[in-house]
Amino acid sequence: MNAQPSRRERFRPLELIGLAFVVAIFTGVVVLITARDIHLAVIFFGGAFVVALVGLAMLALVAGPIGPDQPDAVAERPGGPHT
């Protein structure tokens, strides 16, 4: 059994942080364009980053691992797969 995490598993946190950063930049730019206040845009940028990061992390926890290590959900039902 391979104990080393795959490259995809190692870079998964960076993908989540990057996506949260993109969402935060979009939110900050929209607030900056509409309100024309840099302080308000920075506050919304930070808030959007935190909310997006927590939301994406929770979605990643719900989704679970993807790959050959994923057990077959049908075989885990009580009574076997043909019930």
C-alpha atoms as a PDB file:
ATOM      1  CA  MET A   1       0.000   0.000   0.000  1.00  0.00           C
ATOM      2  CA  ASN A   2       1.330   3.426  -0.951  1.00  0.00           C
ATOM      3  CA  ALA A   3       1.650   5.691   2.127  1.00  0.00           C
ATOM      4  CA  GLN A   4       2.772   8.737   0.121  1.00  0.00           C
ATOM      5  CA  PRO A   5      -0.015  11.153  -0.837  1.00  0.00           C
ATOM      6  CA  SER A   6      -0.452  11.721  -4.532  1.00  0.00           C
ATOM      7  CA  ARG A   7       0.413  15.011  -6.178  1.00  0.00           C
ATOM      8  CA  ARG A   8      -3.287  15.859  -6.461  1.00  0.00           C
ATOM      9  CA  GLU A   9      -3.794  15.266  -2.732  1.00  0.00           C
ATOM     10  CA  ARG A  10      -0.794  17.465  -1.860  1.00  0.00           C
ATOM     11  CA  PHE A  11      -1.937  20.407  -4.005  1.00  0.00           C
ATOM     12  CA  ARG A  12      -5.620  20.219  -3.014  1.00  0.00           C
ATOM     13  CA  PRO A  13      -5.268  22.835  -0.216  1.00  0.00           C
ATOM     14  CA  LEU A  14      -3.550  25.240  -2.629  1.00  0.00           C
ATOM     15  CA  GLU A  15      -6.419  24.824  -5.091  1.00  0.00           C
ATOM     16  CA  LEU A  16      -8.934  25.715  -2.387  1.00  0.00           C
ATOM     17  CA  ILE A  17      -6.948  28.752  -1.254  1.00  0.00           C
ATOM     18  CA  GLY A  18      -6.507  29.912  -4.849  1.00  0.00           C
ATOM     19  CA  LEU A  19     -10.213  29.610  -5.620  1.00  0.00           C
ATOM     20  CA  ALA A  20     -11.110  31.468  -2.416  1.00  0.00           C
ATOM     21  CA  PHE A  21      -8.605  34.177  -3.376  1.00  0.00           C
ATOM     22  CA  VAL A  22     -10.216  34.570  -6.811  1.00  0.00           C
ATOM     23  CA  VAL A  23     -13.664  34.905  -5.220  1.00  0.00           C
ATOM     24  CA  ALA A  24     -12.299  37.483  -2.764  1.00  0.00           C
ATOM     25  CA  ILE A  25     -10.621  39.515  -5.525  1.00  0.00           C
ATOM     26  CA  PHE A  26     -13.864  39.553  -7.514  1.00  0.00           C
ATOM     27  CA  THR A  27     -15.824  40.692  -4.455  1.00  0.00           C
ATOM     28  CA  GLY A  28     -13.261  43.360  -3.577  1.00  0.00           C
ATOM     29  CA  VAL A  29     -13.213  44.745  -7.117  1.00  0.00           C
ATOM     30  CA  VAL A  30     -17.011  44.863  -7.328  1.00  0.00           C
ATOM     31  CA  VAL A  31     -17.232  46.720  -4.007  1.00  0.00           C
ATOM     32  CA  LEU A  32     -14.427  49.080  -5.035  1.00  0.00           C
ATOM     33  CA  ILE A  33     -16.129  49.914  -8.324  1.00  0.00           C
ATOM     34  CA  THR A  34     -19.563  50.437  -6.785  1.00  0.00           C
ATOM     35  CA  ALA A  35     -18.683  52.182  -3.497  1.00  0.00           C
ATOM     36  CA  ARG A  36     -15.402  53.864  -4.520  1.00  0.00           C
ATOM     37  CA  ASP A  37     -14.083  53.298  -0.998  1.00  0.00           C
ATOM     38  CA  ILE A  38     -10.809  51.370  -0.662  1.00  0.00           C
ATOM     39  CA  HIS A  39     -11.319  50.610   3.035  1.00  0.00           C
ATOM     40  CA  LEU A  40     -14.712  49.070   2.438  1.00  0.00           C
ATOM     41  CA  ALA A  41     -13.325  47.066  -0.493  1.00  0.00           C
ATOM     42  CA  VAL A  42     -10.515  45.674   1.677  1.00  0.00           C
ATOM     43  CA  ILE A  43     -13.000  44.684   4.390  1.00  0.00           C
ATOM     44  CA  PHE A  44     -15.221  42.905   1.867  1.00  0.00           C
ATOM     45  CA  PHE A  45     -12.143  41.277   0.286  1.00  0.00           C
ATOM     46  CA  GLY A  46     -11.112  39.803   3.645  1.00  0.00           C
ATOM     47  CA  GLY A  47     -14.617  38.722   4.547  1.00  0.00           C
ATOM     48  CA  ALA A  48     -15.216  37.101   1.179  1.00  0.00           C
ATOM     49  CA  PHE A  49     -11.879  35.268   1.397  1.00  0.00           C
ATOM     50  CA  VAL A  50     -12.690  33.808   4.809  1.00  0.00           C
ATOM     51  CA  VAL A  51     -16.269  32.867   3.901  1.00  0.00           C
ATOM     52  CA  ALA A  52     -15.215  31.292   0.576  1.00  0.00           C
ATOM     53  CA  LEU A  53     -12.351  29.384   2.199  1.00  0.00           C
ATOM     54  CA  VAL A  54     -14.557  27.957   4.960  1.00  0.00           C
ATOM     55  CA  GLY A  55     -17.326  27.110   2.492  1.00  0.00           C
ATOM     56  CA  LEU A  56     -14.983  25.372   0.062  1.00  0.00           C
ATOM     57  CA  ALA A  57     -13.286  23.460   2.879  1.00  0.00           C
ATOM     58  CA  MET A  58     -16.638  22.211   4.145  1.00  0.00           C
ATOM     59  CA  LEU A  59     -17.639  21.153   0.634  1.00  0.00           C
ATOM     60  CA  ALA A  60     -14.322  19.318   0.291  1.00  0.00           C
ATOM     61  CA  LEU A  61     -14.976  17.482   3.556  1.00  0.00           C
ATOM     62  CA  VAL A  62     -18.448  16.455   2.430  1.00  0.00           C
ATOM     63  CA  ALA A  63     -17.190  15.256  -0.957  1.00  0.00           C
ATOM     64  CA  GLY A  64     -14.504  13.062   0.597  1.00  0.00           C
ATOM     65  CA  PRO A  65     -11.621  11.461  -1.265  1.00  0.00           C
ATOM     66  CA  ILE A  66     -11.860  10.781  -4.985  1.00  0.00           C
ATOM     67  CA  GLY A  67     -10.049   7.883  -6.541  1.00  0.00           C
ATOM     68  CA  PRO A  68      -9.527   4.131  -6.371  1.00  0.00           C
ATOM     69  CA  ASP A  69      -9.459   4.178  -2.531  1.00  0.00           C
ATOM     70  CA  GLN A  70     -13.128   5.235  -2.498  1.00  0.00           C
ATOM     71  CA  PRO A  71     -15.239   2.249  -1.350  1.00  0.00           C
ATOM     72  CA  ASP A  72     -18.210   1.220  -3.412  1.00  0.00           C
ATOM     73  CA  ALA A  73     -21.328   2.675  -1.772  1.00  0.00           C
ATOM     74  CA  VAL A  74     -23.559  -0.093  -3.125  1.00  0.00           C
ATOM     75  CA  ALA A  75     -21.526  -2.851  -1.477  1.00  0.00           C
ATOM     76  CA  GLU A  76     -21.749  -1.154   1.931  1.00  0.00           C
ATOM     77  CA  ARG A  77     -25.538  -1.400   2.208  1.00  0.00           C
ATOM     78  CA  PRO A  78     -26.854  -3.882   4.771  1.00  0.00           C
ATOM     79  CA  GLY A  79     -27.808  -7.104   3.101  1.00  0.00           C
ATOM     80  CA  GLY A  80     -25.278  -6.822   0.290  1.00  0.00           C
ATOM     81  CA  PRO A  81     -25.310  -5.186  -3.118  1.00  0.00           C
ATOM     82  CA  HIS A  82     -28.287  -7.147  -4.510  1.00  0.00           C
ATOM     83  CA  THR A  83     -30.870  -6.351  -1.849  1.00  0.00           C
END
